[in-house]
Protein backbone atom coordinates (compact mmCIF):
# COMPACT_ATOMS: atom_id res chain seq x y z
CA MET A 1 -0.10 0.39 0.25
CA LYS A 2 2.71 2.72 0.98
CA LYS A 3 4.80 1.59 -1.95
CA ASP A 4 1.34 2.12 -4.62
CA ILE A 5 1.00 5.75 -2.56
CA TYR A 6 4.72 6.67 -2.79
CA LYS A 7 4.48 5.67 -7.24
CA PHE A 8 1.35 7.90 -7.05
CA SER A 9 3.27 10.61 -5.72
CA CYS A 10 6.26 10.40 -7.71
CA SER A 11 3.04 10.75 -10.69
CA LEU A 12 1.81 13.67 -9.25
CA ASP A 13 5.52 15.46 -8.80
CA LYS A 14 6.54 14.25 -12.43
CA ASN A 15 3.43 15.91 -13.52
CA LEU A 16 3.40 19.33 -11.36
CA LEU A 17 6.69 19.46 -12.28
CA MET A 18 5.53 19.19 -15.87
CA MET A 19 3.40 21.35 -15.75
CA MET A 20 5.07 23.95 -14.07
CA TYR A 21 7.90 23.78 -16.75
CA VAL A 22 5.50 23.81 -19.42
CA LYS A 23 4.01 27.06 -17.71
CA SER A 24 7.14 28.49 -17.26
CA LYS A 25 8.11 28.03 -21.31
CA ASN A 26 4.66 29.85 -21.87
CA ILE A 27 5.80 32.89 -19.52
CA VAL A 28 8.47 32.74 -21.01
CA PHE A 29 7.67 32.72 -24.84
CA VAL A 30 5.15 35.44 -23.93
CA VAL A 31 7.47 37.59 -22.54
CA MET A 32 9.53 37.27 -26.10
CA MET A 33 6.64 37.93 -27.75
CA ILE A 34 6.35 41.36 -26.18
CA CYS A 35 10.02 42.29 -25.92
CA LEU A 36 10.91 40.92 -29.28
CA PRO A 37 9.13 43.94 -31.28
CA SER A 38 10.94 46.44 -28.84
CA PHE A 39 14.40 44.25 -29.05
CA ILE A 40 13.92 44.06 -33.37
CA TYR A 41 13.87 47.57 -33.19
CA ALA A 42 15.91 49.12 -31.01
CA GLN A 43 18.78 46.62 -32.99
CA SER A 44 17.65 48.24 -36.24
CA GLN A 45 18.25 51.53 -34.91
CA SER A 46 21.50 53.46 -36.75
CA LYS A 47 23.73 55.61 -34.91
CA ASP A 48 21.25 58.73 -37.24
CA GLN A 49 17.93 57.51 -35.93
CA VAL A 50 19.47 57.94 -32.20
CA MET A 51 20.34 61.55 -32.41
CA THR A 52 19.82 64.03 -30.03
CA ASP A 53 17.47 66.78 -31.76
CA LYS A 54 20.17 69.14 -31.21
CA GLU A 55 22.48 66.88 -33.33
CA ILE A 56 20.01 66.40 -36.22
CA ARG A 57 19.68 70.28 -36.72
CA SER A 58 23.56 70.53 -36.54
CA ALA A 59 23.94 68.00 -39.21
CA CYS A 60 20.93 69.46 -41.26
CA GLU A 61 22.58 72.75 -40.93
CA LYS A 62 26.01 71.82 -42.52
CA ASN A 63 25.24 68.93 -44.84
CA LEU A 64 21.43 70.55 -45.99
CA PRO A 65 21.94 75.00 -45.68
CA LYS A 66 19.03 75.53 -47.75
CA MET A 67 16.92 73.29 -46.11
CA TRP A 68 17.84 74.38 -42.80
CA LYS A 69 17.42 78.29 -43.58
CA GLU A 70 13.87 77.02 -44.56
CA LEU A 71 13.17 74.91 -41.61
CA GLN A 72 14.07 77.92 -39.98
CA THR A 73 11.31 80.73 -42.04
CA ILE A 74 8.66 78.15 -40.92
CA GLU A 75 9.71 77.47 -37.45
CA ARG A 76 9.24 81.48 -37.28
CA ASP A 77 5.70 81.47 -38.10
CA ASP A 78 5.29 79.54 -34.79
CA VAL A 79 5.39 76.20 -36.82
CA PRO A 80 6.46 73.11 -33.95
CA ILE A 81 9.21 71.06 -36.15
CA VAL A 82 9.67 67.60 -34.47
CA PHE A 83 11.93 64.83 -35.53
CA ASN A 84 10.27 61.37 -35.83
CA ALA A 85 12.82 58.63 -35.94
CA GLN A 86 9.92 55.75 -36.41
CA MET A 87 7.57 57.59 -39.65
CA HIS A 88 7.44 56.22 -42.95
CA GLY A 89 8.55 59.47 -45.15
CA PRO A 90 10.44 62.61 -45.37
CA GLY A 91 7.89 64.98 -43.58
CA ARG A 92 3.88 64.99 -42.86
CA ALA A 93 1.62 67.93 -41.03
CA LYS A 94 -0.14 67.14 -38.10
CA GLY A 95 -2.51 69.75 -37.57
CA LYS A 96 -0.01 72.61 -36.72
CA VAL A 97 2.44 70.58 -35.75
CA MET A 98 5.44 69.52 -38.88
CA GLU A 99 7.16 65.92 -38.37
CA LEU A 100 10.07 65.43 -39.98
CA ASN A 101 12.41 61.72 -40.53
CA PRO A 102 15.59 62.74 -39.09
CA GLU A 103 16.97 60.10 -41.60
CA PHE A 104 16.48 62.45 -44.59
CA PHE A 105 17.64 65.75 -42.78
CA ILE A 106 21.09 64.55 -41.52
CA LYS A 107 23.11 63.37 -44.86
CA LYS A 108 22.93 64.32 -48.29
CA ASN A 109 20.07 61.68 -50.13
CA LEU A 110 20.57 60.26 -53.34
CA GLU A 111 16.95 59.81 -53.93
CA TYR A 112 15.71 62.75 -52.16
CA PRO A 113 18.45 65.74 -53.02
CA GLU A 114 17.87 68.85 -50.50
CA ASP A 115 15.83 70.32 -53.79
CA ARG A 116 13.18 67.63 -53.68
CA LEU A 117 13.00 67.75 -49.72
CA LEU A 118 12.59 71.59 -49.40
CA ILE A 119 9.75 70.90 -51.79
CA VAL A 120 8.69 68.22 -49.10
CA ILE A 121 8.51 70.95 -46.06
CA VAL A 122 7.16 73.98 -48.44
CA HIS A 123 4.34 71.78 -49.23
CA GLU A 124 3.35 70.47 -45.70
CA TYR A 125 4.02 73.82 -44.28
CA GLY A 126 1.17 74.32 -47.31
CA HIS A 127 -1.03 72.58 -45.19
CA ILE A 128 -0.36 73.75 -42.58
CA LEU A 129 -1.33 77.59 -43.60
CA PHE A 130 -4.30 75.90 -44.87
CA ASN A 131 -5.59 74.56 -42.04
CA ARG A 132 -5.10 77.83 -40.16
CA ILE A 133 -7.81 79.01 -42.59
CA LYS A 134 -11.91 78.47 -41.39
CA ASP A 135 -13.42 77.73 -44.80
CA ASP A 136 -17.22 77.30 -44.87
CA LYS A 137 -17.07 76.12 -48.50
CA VAL A 138 -14.76 73.53 -48.19
CA GLU A 139 -16.29 72.12 -44.59
CA ASN A 140 -19.12 71.07 -46.37
CA LEU A 141 -17.16 69.54 -49.15
CA SER A 142 -17.28 65.81 -48.99
CA MET A 143 -14.47 64.48 -46.84
CA PHE A 144 -12.69 63.00 -50.30
CA ASP A 145 -12.98 66.29 -51.79
CA LYS A 146 -11.80 67.91 -48.69
CA LYS A 147 -8.44 65.95 -48.88
CA ILE A 148 -8.54 67.07 -52.25
CA GLU A 149 -8.80 71.01 -51.76
CA ASN A 150 -6.11 70.40 -48.98
CA GLU A 151 -3.75 69.01 -51.50
CA TYR A 152 -4.02 71.02 -54.07
CA GLN A 153 -3.48 74.18 -51.60
CA ALA A 154 -0.45 72.25 -50.16
CA PHE A 155 0.99 71.86 -53.86
CA LYS A 156 0.12 75.55 -55.41
CA TYR A 157 1.79 77.28 -52.50
CA SER A 158 4.92 74.58 -53.31
CA VAL A 159 4.69 75.52 -56.81
CA GLU A 160 4.32 79.62 -55.96
CA TRP A 161 7.02 79.61 -53.41
CA ALA A 162 9.26 77.56 -55.88
CA SER A 163 8.85 80.18 -58.49
CA GLU A 164 9.92 83.03 -56.13
CA TYR A 165 12.63 81.11 -55.19
CA ALA A 166 13.67 80.44 -58.57
CA LYS A 167 13.27 84.30 -59.78
CA ASN A 168 15.80 85.07 -57.03
CA GLY A 169 18.20 83.25 -58.55
CA ASP A 170 17.76 78.89 -57.53
CA LYS A 171 15.59 77.19 -59.98
CA GLY A 172 16.48 73.96 -58.14
CA PRO A 173 13.26 73.40 -56.24
CA LEU A 174 11.07 74.52 -59.21
CA GLU A 175 12.52 71.51 -61.16
CA GLN A 176 11.81 68.98 -59.17
CA VAL A 177 8.42 70.28 -58.53
CA ILE A 178 7.67 70.50 -61.76
CA THR A 179 9.26 67.08 -62.95
CA ASN A 180 7.57 64.99 -59.82
CA LEU A 181 4.28 66.71 -60.43
CA LYS A 182 4.19 65.89 -63.88
CA SER A 183 5.24 62.29 -62.82
CA ARG A 184 2.31 61.41 -60.25
CA ALA A 185 -0.30 63.52 -62.63
CA ALA A 186 0.56 60.33 -65.07
CA SER A 187 1.21 57.48 -62.48
CA GLY A 188 -1.27 58.47 -59.89
CA LYS A 189 -4.70 57.11 -59.54
CA GLU A 190 -8.29 57.91 -60.05
CA ASP A 191 -9.15 57.15 -56.81
CA ASP A 192 -5.74 59.22 -54.86
CA PRO A 193 -6.88 62.88 -53.82
CA HIS A 194 -3.59 63.80 -54.86
CA THR A 195 -3.91 62.83 -58.34
CA HIS A 196 -7.09 65.42 -58.89
CA ALA A 197 -5.46 68.13 -57.06
CA ILE A 198 -1.85 68.04 -59.43
CA LYS A 199 -4.21 67.64 -62.13
CA ARG A 200 -6.81 70.60 -61.51
CA LEU A 201 -3.58 72.62 -60.61
CA MET A 202 -1.49 72.11 -64.36
CA GLY A 203 -4.68 73.14 -65.63
CA GLU A 204 -4.32 76.97 -63.60
CA PRO A 205 -2.70 79.95 -64.52
CA VAL A 206 -0.15 79.37 -61.70
CA TRP A 207 0.95 76.35 -62.87
CA LYS A 208 1.45 77.53 -66.67
CA LYS A 209 3.72 80.63 -64.94
CA ALA A 210 6.04 78.33 -63.16
CA GLU A 211 6.75 76.36 -66.26
CA GLU A 212 7.44 79.69 -68.33
CA ILE A 213 9.23 80.75 -65.13
CA LEU A 214 11.61 77.61 -65.75
CA ILE A 215 11.97 77.68 -68.97
CA SER A 216 13.98 80.94 -68.86
CA LYS A 217 15.73 79.93 -66.17
CA GLN A 218 17.20 77.05 -68.23
CA ALA A 219 17.71 79.16 -71.44
CA VAL A 220 20.15 81.59 -69.06
CA ASN A 221 21.98 78.67 -68.04
């Protein structure tokens, strides 16, 4: 009888130990699954992405002087500029704030040269300027048409800004915005509000004037 009890007790101990072992493995697995994304993200962070705000601004001033000057102008208009290493793309407007991906602003980028980045931040600034305006006509539009109007205003502002920039002696940003918008108009999807906004802009006098300015500047060179 005692022998049977001993065997039963050992069996219980083994089962209990096995349950505790399995449970502990499950806990470890859960913890790993929770921590793994953070670990992977930390490992994937480049040295550039963990730079301080001051270091990012210093690198931008050194490597992208035209960009740095424009960023300062925008900030003086009460637009907070926040560097966010986790965002996709170079920049975006969020209400009254401009978010920028430091990866694009600390060194020269072949895909996004300085003149193209200038157009990016000016476009986002155009969004912020438009968001400051209360327009009842816009408020009564459908959500899709609101997006078209918002993009149209931002594109228009960037083209006007680049045109003035070219008049002052630097045609680089104007070349970028005209080239890129033409490409997007040709390849854009019809259900994309950006496509509608660009095509609308290209049919207006401000676009024709911008092309004329660019042609005149290219002829000089």
